[in-house]
């Protein structure tokens, strides 16, 4: 048990180091090395519901109103004219926003993690946005679909435009990054490749679905089982 706990502790530290590297990689030049006014204060984590026209009429019946978490850095309220780069952070399969914000992946808590790195001058200040990516099939893969709805457009158009219009962002691709884990890593790569005009930096942690072999190969019996699904009820949790 002691070795197991030690291993988990090492994994947690590794995850935090990876995340720190990710954020550092996404810092845009104007904020690198600048100690932010009010950086001794704490940032804020907001939980919102925003309307997403891109999901209207999807055949799964998922709501157009989707949850989004927004981290605002320590100086946001005191520096009224300052604008900030933005990171969009995408969770994985059957995940939820809280996996990044409340004791989620490796015990990650977004607000204190960001506050700590900003206060230590490890990174500059930025806004971090965590949109929901789970639908009634447990996973949108942040992909446009005539069945599940246009989940890529939901992030690239609806969420980005909402954040840029409601918060003081640097609303340009070179000051906007997208990153994700697993399904979110796949979504980040696809968005970065297909929308370089929106995202100027991309980072993927253990991205899924990049090679059709193994579990995704045609010989996997899961495909024949999938063809027998006739209702979304099979995906609902008890």
Protein backbone atom coordinates (compact mmCIF):
# COMPACT_ATOMS: atom_id res chain seq x y z
CA UNK A 1 0.00 0.00 0.00
CA UNK A 2 2.87 2.36 0.80
CA UNK A 3 4.40 1.75 -2.64
CA UNK A 4 0.98 2.30 -4.24
CA UNK A 5 0.48 5.62 -2.45
CA UNK A 6 3.99 6.68 -3.38
CA UNK A 7 3.27 5.81 -7.01
CA UNK A 8 0.03 7.80 -6.98
CA UNK A 9 1.85 10.77 -5.46
CA UNK A 10 4.45 10.64 -8.21
CA UNK A 11 1.72 10.41 -10.86
CA UNK A 12 -0.04 13.43 -9.34
CA UNK A 13 3.17 15.45 -9.39
CA UNK A 14 3.83 14.39 -12.97
CA UNK A 15 0.34 15.46 -14.01
CA UNK A 16 0.79 18.87 -12.40
CA UNK A 17 4.18 19.29 -14.09
CA UNK A 18 2.64 18.41 -17.46
CA UNK A 19 -0.15 20.89 -16.88
CA UNK A 20 2.36 23.57 -15.86
CA UNK A 21 4.32 22.90 -19.05
CA UNK A 22 1.09 23.11 -21.04
CA UNK A 23 0.17 26.49 -19.61
CA UNK A 24 3.70 27.81 -20.03
CA UNK A 25 3.69 26.69 -23.66
CA UNK A 26 0.46 28.56 -24.27
CA UNK A 27 1.61 31.85 -22.79
CA UNK A 28 1.69 34.50 -25.48
CA UNK A 29 4.76 36.71 -25.66
CA UNK A 30 3.19 39.92 -24.26
CA UNK A 31 2.60 38.26 -20.87
CA UNK A 32 5.72 36.14 -20.48
CA UNK A 33 7.86 37.28 -17.59
CA UNK A 34 5.46 40.01 -16.51
CA UNK A 35 4.46 39.97 -12.86
CA UNK A 36 0.79 40.84 -12.90
CA UNK A 37 -0.59 43.71 -10.82
CA UNK A 38 -2.66 42.20 -8.04
CA UNK A 39 -1.04 38.79 -8.48
CA UNK A 40 -0.92 38.39 -4.70
CA UNK A 41 -4.72 38.17 -4.77
CA UNK A 42 -6.67 35.12 -5.86
CA UNK A 43 -8.40 34.49 -9.15
CA UNK A 44 -12.06 33.60 -9.52
CA UNK A 45 -13.75 30.49 -10.89
CA UNK A 46 -17.16 31.13 -12.46
CA UNK A 47 -19.71 28.48 -13.39
CA UNK A 48 -21.96 29.54 -16.26
CA UNK A 49 -24.71 28.25 -18.52
CA UNK A 50 -24.51 29.59 -22.06
CA UNK A 51 -26.72 29.12 -25.10
CA UNK A 52 -25.28 27.16 -28.01
CA UNK A 53 -27.11 27.55 -31.34
CA UNK A 54 -24.77 24.94 -32.83
CA UNK A 55 -26.49 22.22 -30.77
CA UNK A 56 -30.01 23.23 -31.71
CA UNK A 57 -32.16 20.37 -32.97
CA UNK A 58 -29.67 17.57 -32.26
CA UNK A 59 -31.32 14.16 -32.42
CA UNK A 60 -30.19 13.13 -28.93
CA UNK A 61 -32.20 15.87 -27.31
CA UNK A 62 -29.19 17.46 -25.60
CA UNK A 63 -29.87 20.96 -24.34
CA UNK A 64 -28.70 24.07 -26.13
CA UNK A 65 -27.85 25.41 -22.67
CA UNK A 66 -24.43 24.06 -21.75
CA UNK A 67 -22.23 24.45 -18.69
CA UNK A 68 -18.93 26.30 -18.90
CA UNK A 69 -16.39 27.10 -16.18
CA UNK A 70 -14.28 30.26 -16.51
CA UNK A 71 -11.17 31.06 -14.49
CA UNK A 72 -10.36 34.78 -14.22
CA UNK A 73 -6.81 35.63 -13.06
CA UNK A 74 -6.02 37.63 -9.90
CA UNK A 75 -5.64 41.05 -11.54
CA UNK A 76 -8.79 40.77 -13.66
CA UNK A 77 -10.98 42.83 -11.34
CA UNK A 78 -8.36 45.42 -10.38
CA UNK A 79 -6.82 46.05 -13.83
CA UNK A 80 -9.93 47.21 -15.65
CA UNK A 81 -8.31 47.81 -19.03
CA UNK A 82 -5.99 44.84 -19.21
CA UNK A 83 -6.75 42.03 -21.67
CA UNK A 84 -5.67 38.42 -21.33
CA UNK A 85 -4.76 35.39 -23.48
CA UNK A 86 -7.21 32.51 -23.20
CA UNK A 87 -6.82 28.75 -22.85
CA UNK A 88 -9.71 26.40 -23.71
CA UNK A 89 -9.38 23.16 -21.75
CA UNK A 90 -11.30 20.07 -22.95
CA UNK A 91 -12.09 17.06 -20.74
CA UNK A 92 -12.17 13.40 -21.80
CA UNK A 93 -14.72 10.66 -22.51
CA UNK A 94 -17.64 10.51 -20.07
CA UNK A 95 -15.99 13.41 -18.29
CA UNK A 96 -17.23 16.63 -16.84
CA UNK A 97 -16.01 20.12 -16.14
CA UNK A 98 -15.33 19.21 -12.50
CA UNK A 99 -12.58 16.83 -13.59
CA UNK A 100 -10.45 19.93 -14.07
CA UNK A 101 -11.98 22.22 -11.47
CA UNK A 102 -12.82 20.13 -8.38
CA UNK A 103 -10.50 17.33 -7.27
CA UNK A 104 -10.64 15.73 -10.70
CA UNK A 105 -7.76 14.34 -12.76
CA UNK A 106 -4.97 13.56 -10.28
CA UNK A 107 -6.76 15.71 -7.71
CA UNK A 108 -6.63 18.78 -9.95
CA UNK A 109 -8.30 22.00 -8.76
CA UNK A 110 -8.01 24.63 -11.47
CA UNK A 111 -8.31 27.82 -9.42
CA UNK A 112 -5.69 27.15 -6.70
CA UNK A 113 -3.38 25.55 -9.27
CA UNK A 114 -3.53 28.62 -11.50
CA UNK A 115 -3.28 31.01 -8.56
CA UNK A 116 -0.20 29.22 -7.25
CA UNK A 117 1.65 29.21 -10.58
CA UNK A 118 0.82 32.88 -11.20
CA UNK A 119 1.95 33.94 -7.71
CA UNK A 120 5.22 32.03 -8.08
CA UNK A 121 5.88 33.70 -11.45
CA UNK A 122 5.91 30.29 -13.14
CA UNK A 123 3.41 31.60 -15.68
CA UNK A 124 1.74 34.85 -16.66
CA UNK A 125 -1.94 35.55 -16.19
CA UNK A 126 -4.56 34.13 -18.52
CA UNK A 127 -8.22 33.24 -18.68
CA UNK A 128 -9.00 29.50 -18.70
CA UNK A 129 -12.28 28.19 -20.12
CA UNK A 130 -13.56 24.64 -19.51
CA UNK A 131 -16.62 23.74 -21.64
CA UNK A 132 -18.75 20.64 -21.24
CA UNK A 133 -18.18 17.95 -23.88
CA UNK A 134 -20.41 15.12 -22.64
CA UNK A 135 -23.75 14.39 -24.33
CA UNK A 136 -26.39 11.66 -24.01
CA UNK A 137 -23.94 9.25 -25.67
CA UNK A 138 -21.39 10.13 -22.95
CA UNK A 139 -19.01 11.68 -25.47
CA UNK A 140 -19.29 14.33 -28.17
CA UNK A 141 -15.65 14.01 -29.29
CA UNK A 142 -16.02 17.77 -29.92
CA UNK A 143 -17.06 16.82 -33.45
CA UNK A 144 -19.82 18.09 -35.72
CA UNK A 145 -22.54 15.52 -36.35
CA UNK A 146 -25.98 15.50 -37.95
CA UNK A 147 -27.08 13.20 -35.10
CA UNK A 148 -25.38 14.47 -31.94
CA UNK A 149 -25.11 18.13 -32.94
CA UNK A 150 -22.22 20.37 -33.95
CA UNK A 151 -20.02 20.11 -30.88
CA UNK A 152 -16.94 21.49 -32.58
CA UNK A 153 -18.87 24.58 -33.65
CA UNK A 154 -20.24 24.80 -30.12
CA UNK A 155 -16.70 25.40 -28.84
CA UNK A 156 -15.14 27.20 -31.80
CA UNK A 157 -18.07 29.52 -32.48
CA UNK A 158 -20.50 29.68 -29.56
CA UNK A 159 -18.21 29.42 -26.56
CA UNK A 160 -15.34 31.45 -28.03
CA UNK A 161 -17.64 34.25 -29.18
CA UNK A 162 -19.38 34.33 -25.79
CA UNK A 163 -16.10 34.53 -23.88
CA UNK A 164 -14.66 37.20 -26.19
CA UNK A 165 -17.80 39.31 -25.89
CA UNK A 166 -18.21 39.01 -22.11
CA UNK A 167 -14.62 39.07 -20.84
CA UNK A 168 -11.49 41.08 -21.60
CA UNK A 169 -9.68 38.62 -23.84
CA UNK A 170 -7.03 39.18 -26.45
CA UNK A 171 -9.43 38.12 -29.20
CA UNK A 172 -7.00 36.79 -31.77
CA UNK A 173 -5.67 33.37 -32.69
CA UNK A 174 -2.12 34.03 -31.51
CA UNK A 175 -3.46 34.76 -28.01
CA UNK A 176 -5.86 31.81 -27.87
CA UNK A 177 -4.93 28.17 -27.18
CA UNK A 178 -6.82 24.88 -26.94
CA UNK A 179 -5.74 21.82 -24.97
CA UNK A 180 -7.34 18.62 -23.77
CA UNK A 181 -7.03 15.16 -22.28
CA UNK A 182 -7.97 11.91 -24.07
CA UNK A 183 -11.16 12.73 -26.02
CA UNK A 184 -10.36 16.37 -25.30
CA UNK A 185 -6.86 15.90 -26.70
CA UNK A 186 -8.38 14.60 -29.92
CA UNK A 187 -10.77 17.55 -29.97
CA UNK A 188 -7.92 19.99 -29.40
CA UNK A 189 -5.89 18.59 -32.31
CA UNK A 190 -8.88 18.63 -34.66
CA UNK A 191 -9.82 22.19 -33.71
CA UNK A 192 -6.25 23.38 -34.07
CA UNK A 193 -5.90 21.79 -37.51
CA UNK A 194 -9.28 22.89 -38.82
CA UNK A 195 -9.42 26.34 -37.19
CA UNK A 196 -5.96 27.90 -37.15
CA UNK A 197 -7.73 31.24 -37.46
CA UNK A 198 -9.21 30.65 -33.98
CA UNK A 199 -6.50 28.77 -32.07
CA UNK A 200 -2.83 29.62 -32.37
CA UNK A 201 -1.57 27.01 -29.88
CA UNK A 202 -2.56 23.36 -29.35
CA UNK A 203 -1.60 20.82 -26.69
CA UNK A 204 -2.97 17.26 -26.41
CA UNK A 205 -2.56 14.99 -23.38
CA UNK A 206 -2.98 11.28 -24.27
CA UNK A 207 -5.22 12.09 -27.26
CA UNK A 208 -7.53 9.31 -28.40
CA UNK A 209 -8.69 8.11 -31.81
CA UNK A 210 -5.70 9.08 -33.93
CA UNK A 211 -5.07 5.63 -35.40
CA UNK A 212 -7.65 3.04 -36.49
CA UNK A 213 -5.98 -0.02 -35.05
CA UNK A 214 -6.36 -2.12 -31.94
CA UNK A 215 -9.55 -1.14 -30.14
CA UNK A 216 -10.69 0.98 -33.08
CA UNK A 217 -9.97 -1.64 -35.74
CA UNK A 218 -12.66 -3.28 -37.86
CA UNK A 219 -12.11 -6.63 -36.11
CA UNK A 220 -13.24 -5.33 -32.74
CA UNK A 221 -16.58 -7.03 -31.85
CA UNK A 222 -17.68 -3.77 -30.23
CA UNK A 223 -18.68 -2.48 -33.67
CA UNK A 224 -21.32 -5.20 -34.15
CA UNK A 225 -22.65 -4.44 -30.66
CA UNK A 226 -22.81 -0.74 -31.50
CA UNK A 227 -24.92 -1.47 -34.57
CA UNK A 228 -27.54 -3.10 -32.34
CA UNK A 229 -28.06 0.01 -30.21
CA UNK A 230 -31.54 1.39 -30.84
CA UNK A 231 -31.92 3.87 -27.99
CA UNK A 232 -29.75 6.37 -26.10
CA UNK A 233 -31.17 4.92 -22.87
CA UNK A 234 -28.41 2.32 -22.89
CA UNK A 235 -25.91 5.09 -22.11
CA UNK A 236 -27.79 6.52 -19.16
CA UNK A 237 -26.24 5.97 -15.77
CA UNK A 238 -28.24 4.28 -13.06
